[in-house]
């Protein structure tokens, strides 16, 4: 078992989309099937709890959607979530219960677990964010390498070929990302770890660590 496996990163009881992980080993393996999964799951949602304002979009009746937000299909916004001013959900997105998608945030091909906060000027693409993960203002996922080659998840001693040209970040449960940080393609951050503001992160950060810079990754005391 490696630190990048689903069971090491994510509590599947904290998402409406637990079923998409069945038969998968790594979180990024769900990204190719996310669009079809949303459409299939959305069709099963209770109309007493979810509105269906347009084809491929389901929004919980107690979610708060600002009038200026754009929500593209397919998309599910779960109960108690907020999608704030100027948010741009391009599609293939699941926003978990009580999650916050803030002002000027852009989402594309992402799964946000319950309680996730991407509240200010974030870009999150081709990524999975675990339960109560939080991205500080201006922090983003970079999802394509500059040379356009396929992304490798660089777990120490065990580099993993993903076969994907586009892969942002995988954040474990309760990860904290500091303001204005960049998570490079294929970054994986373990549960309860945090990243200092203005960091440029790549590779795999173990759980319960503090990322100060690439030379200083320390265990929480």
Protein backbone atom coordinates (compact mmCIF):
# COMPACT_ATOMS: atom_id res chain seq x y z
CA UNK A 1 0.00 0.00 0.00
CA UNK A 2 1.27 3.47 -0.90
CA UNK A 3 0.49 6.89 0.58
CA UNK A 4 -1.19 7.95 -2.68
CA UNK A 5 -3.94 5.33 -2.54
CA UNK A 6 -7.58 6.31 -2.03
CA UNK A 7 -7.79 4.58 1.34
CA UNK A 8 -4.82 6.58 2.65
CA UNK A 9 -6.18 9.97 1.58
CA UNK A 10 -9.95 10.12 1.54
CA UNK A 11 -12.94 9.31 3.77
CA UNK A 12 -15.47 8.05 1.26
CA UNK A 13 -18.33 8.53 3.72
CA UNK A 14 -17.87 12.29 3.19
CA UNK A 15 -19.04 12.54 -0.41
CA UNK A 16 -22.18 11.91 -2.41
CA UNK A 17 -19.93 10.30 -5.03
CA UNK A 18 -18.43 7.39 -3.07
CA UNK A 19 -19.54 4.96 -5.76
CA UNK A 20 -17.19 6.39 -8.37
CA UNK A 21 -14.20 5.06 -6.41
CA UNK A 22 -15.31 1.42 -6.55
CA UNK A 23 -12.62 -0.73 -8.13
CA UNK A 24 -10.12 2.15 -8.21
CA UNK A 25 -6.76 2.31 -6.44
CA UNK A 26 -5.68 5.93 -6.94
CA UNK A 27 -7.93 9.02 -6.71
CA UNK A 28 -7.03 10.40 -10.14
CA UNK A 29 -8.44 7.26 -11.77
CA UNK A 30 -11.95 8.69 -11.36
CA UNK A 31 -11.36 11.78 -13.48
CA UNK A 32 -12.05 10.23 -16.88
CA UNK A 33 -15.41 8.87 -15.74
CA UNK A 34 -16.54 11.87 -13.69
CA UNK A 35 -18.73 13.39 -16.42
CA UNK A 36 -20.73 10.24 -17.04
CA UNK A 37 -20.95 9.49 -13.32
CA UNK A 38 -22.48 12.89 -12.58
CA UNK A 39 -25.12 12.41 -15.25
CA UNK A 40 -26.01 8.95 -13.94
CA UNK A 41 -26.03 10.01 -10.28
CA UNK A 42 -27.98 13.17 -10.96
CA UNK A 43 -30.80 11.21 -12.53
CA UNK A 44 -31.25 9.32 -9.24
CA UNK A 45 -31.43 12.36 -6.95
CA UNK A 46 -34.64 13.05 -5.07
CA UNK A 47 -36.54 15.94 -6.72
CA UNK A 48 -37.88 16.85 -3.30
CA UNK A 49 -34.30 17.75 -2.30
CA UNK A 50 -32.67 18.77 -5.58
CA UNK A 51 -33.71 21.21 -8.27
CA UNK A 52 -32.94 20.35 -11.89
CA UNK A 53 -32.79 23.79 -13.53
CA UNK A 54 -31.27 22.60 -16.79
CA UNK A 55 -30.05 19.48 -18.51
CA UNK A 56 -27.18 17.93 -16.57
CA UNK A 57 -27.36 20.25 -13.54
CA UNK A 58 -28.70 19.34 -10.10
CA UNK A 59 -28.67 21.82 -7.21
CA UNK A 60 -29.77 21.08 -3.65
CA UNK A 61 -32.70 23.25 -2.64
CA UNK A 62 -30.87 24.51 0.45
CA UNK A 63 -27.69 25.39 -1.46
CA UNK A 64 -26.96 29.11 -1.85
CA UNK A 65 -26.15 30.15 -5.40
CA UNK A 66 -25.31 33.79 -6.09
CA UNK A 67 -27.01 35.20 -9.21
CA UNK A 68 -23.68 36.04 -10.85
CA UNK A 69 -22.33 32.46 -10.61
CA UNK A 70 -22.09 30.33 -13.76
CA UNK A 71 -22.84 26.63 -13.44
CA UNK A 72 -22.11 24.49 -16.48
CA UNK A 73 -23.26 20.93 -17.02
CA UNK A 74 -22.75 18.34 -15.83
CA UNK A 75 -22.71 19.43 -12.22
CA UNK A 76 -24.11 18.42 -8.83
CA UNK A 77 -24.16 20.89 -5.95
CA UNK A 78 -24.97 19.10 -2.72
CA UNK A 79 -26.91 20.23 0.34
CA UNK A 80 -25.81 23.34 2.20
CA UNK A 81 -23.15 24.32 -0.32
CA UNK A 82 -22.47 27.93 -1.34
CA UNK A 83 -21.46 29.10 -4.81
CA UNK A 84 -20.59 32.76 -4.48
CA UNK A 85 -20.21 35.87 -6.64
CA UNK A 86 -18.56 35.35 -10.00
CA UNK A 87 -17.81 31.65 -9.55
CA UNK A 88 -17.26 29.81 -12.85
CA UNK A 89 -18.07 26.10 -12.78
CA UNK A 90 -17.16 24.91 -16.26
CA UNK A 91 -18.64 21.45 -15.84
CA UNK A 92 -17.90 17.91 -14.71
CA UNK A 93 -17.93 19.10 -11.11
CA UNK A 94 -19.37 17.81 -7.86
CA UNK A 95 -19.54 20.30 -4.99
CA UNK A 96 -20.00 18.52 -1.66
CA UNK A 97 -22.26 19.20 1.28
CA UNK A 98 -21.55 22.53 3.02
CA UNK A 99 -18.70 23.25 0.63
CA UNK A 100 -17.81 26.81 -0.39
CA UNK A 101 -16.97 27.84 -3.94
CA UNK A 102 -16.05 31.48 -3.54
CA UNK A 103 -15.76 34.65 -5.54
CA UNK A 104 -14.04 34.33 -8.92
CA UNK A 105 -13.24 30.64 -8.35
CA UNK A 106 -13.04 28.41 -11.43
CA UNK A 107 -13.72 24.66 -11.31
CA UNK A 108 -13.29 22.10 -14.09
CA UNK A 109 -13.48 18.29 -13.87
CA UNK A 110 -13.25 18.18 -10.09
CA UNK A 111 -14.69 16.35 -7.12
CA UNK A 112 -14.95 18.42 -3.94
CA UNK A 113 -15.76 16.34 -0.89
CA UNK A 114 -18.07 17.64 1.85
CA UNK A 115 -16.89 20.73 3.69
CA UNK A 116 -14.25 21.73 1.13
CA UNK A 117 -13.49 25.45 0.92
CA UNK A 118 -12.12 27.09 -2.21
CA UNK A 119 -13.30 30.55 -1.19
CA UNK A 120 -11.25 33.21 -3.02
CA UNK A 121 -9.72 33.40 -6.51
CA UNK A 122 -8.83 29.73 -6.82
CA UNK A 123 -8.47 27.60 -9.95
CA UNK A 124 -9.09 23.90 -9.40
CA UNK A 125 -8.94 21.62 -12.43
CA UNK A 126 -8.69 17.84 -12.88
CA UNK A 127 -8.40 17.41 -9.13
CA UNK A 128 -9.91 15.72 -6.08
CA UNK A 129 -10.17 17.61 -2.79
CA UNK A 130 -10.88 15.56 0.34
CA UNK A 131 -13.15 16.26 3.30
CA UNK A 132 -12.72 19.78 4.72
CA UNK A 133 -9.70 20.54 2.55
CA UNK A 134 -9.12 24.29 2.33
CA UNK A 135 -7.30 26.34 -0.30
CA UNK A 136 -6.21 29.81 0.77
CA UNK A 137 -6.89 32.88 -1.34
CA UNK A 138 -5.21 32.80 -4.74
CA UNK A 139 -3.92 29.22 -4.46
CA UNK A 140 -4.34 27.16 -7.62
CA UNK A 141 -3.84 23.75 -9.15
CA UNK A 142 -1.65 23.65 -12.26
CA UNK A 143 -2.97 20.73 -14.28
CA UNK A 144 -0.78 20.58 -17.41
CA UNK A 145 3.01 20.32 -17.59
CA UNK A 146 4.79 23.00 -19.58
CA UNK A 147 6.18 20.39 -22.01
CA UNK A 148 2.72 18.76 -22.32
CA UNK A 149 4.08 15.30 -21.44
CA UNK A 150 2.07 12.85 -19.33
CA UNK A 151 1.94 13.48 -15.59
CA UNK A 152 3.89 11.23 -13.24
CA UNK A 153 3.01 11.21 -9.54
CA UNK A 154 6.45 11.30 -7.95
CA UNK A 155 5.98 9.23 -4.84
CA UNK A 156 9.46 8.71 -3.32
CA UNK A 157 10.85 5.38 -4.52
CA UNK A 158 7.66 4.63 -6.44
CA UNK A 159 6.97 7.01 -9.36
CA UNK A 160 3.48 6.33 -10.71
CA UNK A 161 2.68 6.78 -14.39
CA UNK A 162 -0.84 8.22 -14.55
CA UNK A 163 -1.25 8.16 -18.31
CA UNK A 164 -2.88 11.58 -18.02
CA UNK A 165 -1.93 14.79 -19.78
CA UNK A 166 -4.11 16.74 -17.35
CA UNK A 167 -3.89 16.14 -13.62
CA UNK A 168 -3.99 18.87 -10.99
CA UNK A 169 -3.76 17.98 -7.31
CA UNK A 170 -5.10 15.38 -4.92
CA UNK A 171 -5.67 16.79 -1.44
CA UNK A 172 -6.33 14.42 1.42
CA UNK A 173 -8.88 15.12 4.13
CA UNK A 174 -8.35 18.34 6.13
CA UNK A 175 -5.41 19.58 4.08
CA UNK A 176 -4.63 23.31 4.34
CA UNK A 177 -3.07 25.18 1.41
CA UNK A 178 -1.61 28.61 2.10
CA UNK A 179 -2.51 31.72 0.10
CA UNK A 180 -1.05 32.19 -3.39
CA UNK A 181 0.46 28.70 -3.53
CA UNK A 182 0.79 26.71 -6.77
CA UNK A 183 0.24 22.96 -6.72
CA UNK A 184 2.08 21.58 -9.74
CA UNK A 185 0.67 18.77 -11.92
CA UNK A 186 0.37 15.49 -10.03
CA UNK A 187 0.87 16.91 -6.55
CA UNK A 188 -0.55 14.70 -3.78
CA UNK A 189 -0.84 15.98 -0.20
CA UNK A 190 -1.62 13.61 2.65
CA UNK A 191 -4.28 14.00 5.29
CA UNK A 192 -4.03 16.91 7.73
CA UNK A 193 -0.89 18.34 6.13
CA UNK A 194 -0.50 22.06 5.50
CA UNK A 195 1.42 24.15 2.99
CA UNK A 196 2.99 27.53 3.73
CA UNK A 197 1.70 30.55 1.76
CA UNK A 198 3.33 31.36 -1.62
CA UNK A 199 4.73 27.82 -1.93
CA UNK A 200 5.43 26.05 -5.23
CA UNK A 201 4.66 22.41 -4.48
CA UNK A 202 5.33 19.28 -6.50
CA UNK A 203 5.49 15.58 -5.69
CA UNK A 204 3.98 13.76 -2.73
CA UNK A 205 3.73 15.29 0.75
CA UNK A 206 3.04 12.75 3.52
CA UNK A 207 0.17 13.10 5.97
CA UNK A 208 0.52 15.18 9.14
CA UNK A 209 3.33 17.31 7.75
CA UNK A 210 4.05 21.01 7.29
CA UNK A 211 5.47 22.02 3.91
CA UNK A 212 7.68 25.08 4.40
CA UNK A 213 9.66 24.64 1.17
CA UNK A 214 10.98 21.65 -0.77
CA UNK A 215 13.95 21.33 1.58
CA UNK A 216 11.94 21.72 4.76
CA UNK A 217 9.00 19.34 5.14
CA UNK A 218 8.52 18.61 8.82
CA UNK A 219 6.24 16.34 10.81
CA UNK A 220 3.65 17.97 13.00
CA UNK A 221 4.65 17.85 16.66
